[in-house]
Amino acid sequence: MKYSIDDVKRIVANKLKVKSVQFLGAGNHSEAFCINNNLVIKMPKHKKASDCLQVEMKVIKGLENKLNLDIPNVEYAGKFKNENEEFVYSIFKKLEGKKLSRKEFLKLNKSVKEKCATSIAQFLFKLHNQKEILPIKRKDFALLHGDFSLGHILFDENNLPCGVLDFGDARVGKPISDFVYLLDDEDDEEFGKEFGLQVLEKYNKLAKQKTDIINQKVQ
């Protein structure tokens, strides 16, 4: 399913006054538009995506004020019908910050990367220790971002992480799953394995203060 700017205006008309709408991009699940330059709306492309968006909203609301980096706040939510099926949409506050390419990230000096690694490790550790948001039935499982990649991290003017986007794949699973992209050395859009190992080392130090959450040795 694809949406036009007119579709967005029509669907949100009862929620807020729309002055401008810009298409931001599309993924496997949703299309995103910027409304009034400070809000982002996610429109599900199919019914499964709509169900995932409901989970995402639940996770985001549950994580409010519990993490060390900003995440999108749910400002508005609503429902609409398409071909007799009901879908949900969500409008988030647009986060401040910039994205960095792998090339730009790798050019950062050692001390900045060290701070980045510390911040990201703290974020993942805090996230993985939220036990009440989604049902967790196994001791070795945790709440996951589900798609933790360089493209979903925002950086401030000092090139330090300041926000994390897109919890559309949030789920319960093994914590190491959130390190897949961090430890990928083949993808030229990611951090690089050397940095990922640095994050994992810091994460494990945090975990050992409480329990050994990750015991998988990375070669």
Protein backbone atom coordinates (compact mmCIF):
# COMPACT_ATOMS: atom_id res chain seq x y z
CA MET A 1 0.00 0.00 0.00
CA LYS A 2 1.25 3.45 -0.90
CA TYR A 3 0.12 6.79 0.44
CA SER A 4 -0.04 10.20 -1.13
CA ILE A 5 0.39 13.51 0.65
CA ASP A 6 -3.37 14.05 0.25
CA ASP A 7 -3.99 10.69 1.97
CA VAL A 8 -1.94 11.82 4.96
CA LYS A 9 -3.76 15.16 5.18
CA ARG A 10 -7.13 13.43 5.05
CA ILE A 11 -6.30 10.75 7.63
CA VAL A 12 -4.93 13.16 10.26
CA ALA A 13 -7.38 16.00 9.63
CA ASN A 14 -9.27 15.29 12.87
CA LYS A 15 -6.05 15.26 14.94
CA LEU A 16 -4.18 18.39 13.99
CA LYS A 17 -4.02 21.30 11.58
CA VAL A 18 -1.70 20.37 8.72
CA LYS A 19 0.38 23.16 7.21
CA SER A 20 2.89 21.04 5.32
CA VAL A 21 3.60 17.38 4.53
CA GLN A 22 6.81 15.95 3.11
CA PHE A 23 7.59 12.35 2.18
CA LEU A 24 10.58 11.06 4.18
CA GLY A 25 10.98 7.50 3.01
CA ALA A 26 9.67 3.95 3.11
CA GLY A 27 10.72 0.65 4.62
CA ASN A 28 9.36 -2.86 4.53
CA HIS A 29 6.59 -2.01 6.97
CA SER A 30 5.75 1.67 6.75
CA GLU A 31 5.96 4.93 4.87
CA ALA A 32 7.05 8.02 6.79
CA PHE A 33 6.05 11.64 6.25
CA CYS A 34 7.08 14.84 8.01
CA ILE A 35 4.16 17.02 9.10
CA ASN A 36 4.59 20.73 9.89
CA ASN A 37 8.39 20.26 10.00
CA ASN A 38 8.35 18.89 13.55
CA LEU A 39 6.27 15.70 13.50
CA VAL A 40 6.77 12.34 11.80
CA ILE A 41 3.87 10.08 10.89
CA LYS A 42 4.29 6.37 10.19
CA MET A 43 1.72 4.84 7.84
CA PRO A 44 1.62 1.00 7.73
CA LYS A 45 1.86 -0.62 4.30
CA HIS A 46 -0.12 -3.73 5.30
CA LYS A 47 -2.06 -5.25 8.20
CA LYS A 48 0.97 -6.96 9.76
CA ALA A 49 2.78 -3.60 9.71
CA SER A 50 -0.19 -2.03 11.48
CA ASP A 51 0.04 -4.67 14.21
CA CYS A 52 3.79 -4.02 14.54
CA LEU A 53 3.12 -0.30 14.86
CA GLN A 54 0.84 -0.95 17.82
CA VAL A 55 3.67 -2.87 19.49
CA GLU A 56 6.09 -0.05 18.67
CA MET A 57 3.83 2.51 20.32
CA LYS A 58 3.48 0.34 23.42
CA VAL A 59 7.26 -0.06 23.66
CA ILE A 60 7.97 3.64 23.18
CA LYS A 61 5.44 4.68 25.79
CA GLY A 62 6.89 2.14 28.21
CA LEU A 63 10.43 3.41 27.64
CA GLU A 64 9.65 7.05 28.33
CA ASN A 65 12.34 8.62 30.57
CA LYS A 66 14.12 5.28 31.06
CA LEU A 67 16.96 5.55 28.54
CA ASN A 68 20.05 7.71 28.20
CA LEU A 69 19.32 8.70 24.58
CA ASP A 70 16.23 10.36 23.15
CA ILE A 71 13.59 8.26 21.44
CA PRO A 72 10.50 9.44 19.55
CA ASN A 73 7.54 10.33 21.77
CA VAL A 74 4.07 9.36 20.59
CA GLU A 75 2.22 12.65 20.12
CA TYR A 76 -0.90 11.35 18.38
CA ALA A 77 -2.29 8.01 17.29
CA GLY A 78 -5.37 7.04 15.36
CA LYS A 79 -7.11 4.55 13.12
CA PHE A 80 -8.37 4.55 9.57
CA LYS A 81 -9.97 2.06 7.22
CA ASN A 82 -8.72 0.88 3.88
CA GLU A 83 -10.64 -1.70 1.84
CA ASN A 84 -12.67 -2.63 4.93
CA GLU A 85 -9.55 -3.29 7.03
CA GLU A 86 -8.67 -1.15 10.02
CA PHE A 87 -5.15 0.23 10.30
CA VAL A 88 -3.43 2.33 12.94
CA TYR A 89 -1.05 5.22 12.41
CA SER A 90 1.23 7.02 14.82
CA ILE A 91 2.62 10.55 14.91
CA PHE A 92 5.92 11.07 16.71
CA LYS A 93 7.82 14.16 17.68
CA LYS A 94 10.70 14.66 15.25
CA LEU A 95 14.01 14.24 17.05
CA GLU A 96 16.85 16.71 16.70
CA GLY A 97 20.16 15.43 15.40
CA LYS A 98 22.00 14.33 12.30
CA LYS A 99 22.92 11.00 10.75
CA LEU A 100 26.47 9.92 9.97
CA SER A 101 27.59 7.63 7.17
CA ARG A 102 30.07 4.86 7.92
CA LYS A 103 32.78 6.91 6.24
CA GLU A 104 32.00 9.91 8.44
CA PHE A 105 31.76 7.74 11.56
CA LEU A 106 35.10 6.03 10.97
CA LYS A 107 36.79 9.43 10.62
CA LEU A 108 35.88 10.39 14.20
CA ASN A 109 38.83 10.59 16.55
CA LYS A 110 39.52 7.88 19.12
CA SER A 111 38.19 9.77 22.14
CA VAL A 112 34.89 10.56 20.40
CA LYS A 113 34.45 6.93 19.34
CA GLU A 114 35.16 5.90 22.94
CA LYS A 115 32.36 8.17 24.15
CA CYS A 116 30.08 6.86 21.40
CA ALA A 117 30.76 3.28 22.44
CA THR A 118 30.02 4.08 26.09
CA SER A 119 26.76 5.85 25.23
CA ILE A 120 25.55 3.06 22.93
CA ALA A 121 26.48 0.34 25.43
CA GLN A 122 24.55 2.17 28.15
CA PHE A 123 21.54 2.56 25.86
CA LEU A 124 21.40 -1.13 24.94
CA PHE A 125 21.98 -2.24 28.52
CA LYS A 126 19.18 -0.02 29.83
CA LEU A 127 16.87 -1.15 27.02
CA HIS A 128 17.56 -4.84 27.58
CA ASN A 129 16.76 -4.49 31.28
CA GLN A 130 13.22 -3.20 30.81
CA LYS A 131 11.27 -6.28 31.88
CA GLU A 132 7.69 -5.02 32.17
CA ILE A 133 6.91 -3.59 28.71
CA LEU A 134 6.54 -6.81 26.71
CA PRO A 135 6.03 -10.33 28.11
CA ILE A 136 9.40 -12.02 28.66
CA LYS A 137 9.18 -15.72 29.50
CA ARG A 138 12.84 -16.76 29.28
CA LYS A 139 15.66 -15.57 31.52
CA ASP A 140 18.04 -15.28 28.57
CA PHE A 141 15.62 -13.05 26.61
CA ALA A 142 15.23 -9.28 26.75
CA LEU A 143 13.42 -6.39 25.11
CA LEU A 144 15.19 -5.61 21.82
CA HIS A 145 15.27 -2.62 19.51
CA GLY A 146 15.28 -5.19 16.72
CA ASP A 147 16.99 -3.10 14.05
CA PHE A 148 19.83 -1.33 15.84
CA SER A 149 21.96 0.12 13.05
CA LEU A 150 23.99 3.21 12.26
CA GLY A 151 21.13 4.53 10.13
CA HIS A 152 18.83 4.62 13.16
CA ILE A 153 21.14 6.67 15.39
CA LEU A 154 21.16 10.46 15.55
CA PHE A 155 24.27 12.44 16.53
CA ASP A 156 24.63 15.90 18.05
CA GLU A 157 26.95 18.72 17.00
CA ASN A 158 29.82 17.01 18.81
CA ASN A 159 29.23 13.77 16.85
CA LEU A 160 27.99 11.97 19.96
CA PRO A 161 24.83 9.82 19.94
CA CYS A 162 21.77 11.79 21.02
CA GLY A 163 18.80 9.77 19.76
CA VAL A 164 17.65 6.40 18.46
CA LEU A 165 14.95 6.04 15.81
CA ASP A 166 12.55 3.36 14.58
CA PHE A 167 11.39 0.80 17.10
CA GLY A 168 9.22 -0.82 14.44
CA ASP A 169 10.98 -4.18 14.87
CA ALA A 170 10.96 -4.11 18.69
CA ARG A 171 10.52 -7.60 20.07
CA VAL A 172 11.71 -10.03 22.72
CA GLY A 173 14.81 -12.13 22.05
CA LYS A 174 18.45 -12.72 22.94
CA PRO A 175 20.35 -9.48 23.67
CA ILE A 176 23.14 -10.40 21.25
CA SER A 177 20.61 -9.93 18.44
CA ASP A 178 20.87 -6.15 18.87
CA PHE A 179 24.60 -6.42 18.08
CA VAL A 180 24.14 -7.93 14.61
CA TYR A 181 24.77 -4.68 12.74
CA LEU A 182 27.31 -3.43 15.27
CA LEU A 183 29.46 -6.51 14.61
CA ASP A 184 28.98 -6.58 10.83
CA ASP A 185 32.24 -5.78 9.06
CA GLU A 186 30.93 -6.41 5.54
CA ASP A 187 28.12 -3.86 5.35
CA ASP A 188 29.54 -0.53 4.19
CA GLU A 189 26.62 1.29 5.83
CA GLU A 190 27.45 0.11 9.35
CA PHE A 191 29.91 0.97 12.16
CA GLY A 192 32.50 -1.73 11.51
CA LYS A 193 33.26 -4.72 13.74
CA GLU A 194 36.11 -3.07 15.63
CA PHE A 195 33.74 -0.48 17.06
CA GLY A 196 31.06 -3.10 17.65
CA LEU A 197 33.43 -5.17 19.77
CA GLN A 198 34.25 -2.05 21.76
CA VAL A 199 30.54 -1.53 22.47
CA LEU A 200 30.08 -5.19 23.39
CA GLU A 201 33.01 -5.07 25.83
CA LYS A 202 31.53 -2.05 27.59
CA TYR A 203 28.09 -3.67 27.58
CA ASN A 204 29.41 -6.84 29.18
CA LYS A 205 31.16 -4.83 31.89
CA LEU A 206 27.81 -3.22 32.70
CA ALA A 207 26.09 -6.59 32.61
CA LYS A 208 28.58 -8.19 34.98
CA GLN A 209 27.65 -5.65 37.61
CA LYS A 210 24.24 -7.31 37.67
CA THR A 211 24.39 -10.64 35.83
CA ASP A 212 26.01 -12.18 32.78
CA ILE A 213 23.37 -11.20 30.22
CA ILE A 214 25.57 -11.99 27.24
CA ASN A 215 27.85 -15.01 27.45
CA GLN A 216 28.40 -15.60 23.77
CA LYS A 217 32.02 -15.15 22.80
CA VAL A 218 32.49 -13.14 19.62
CA GLN A 219 35.34 -14.35 17.51
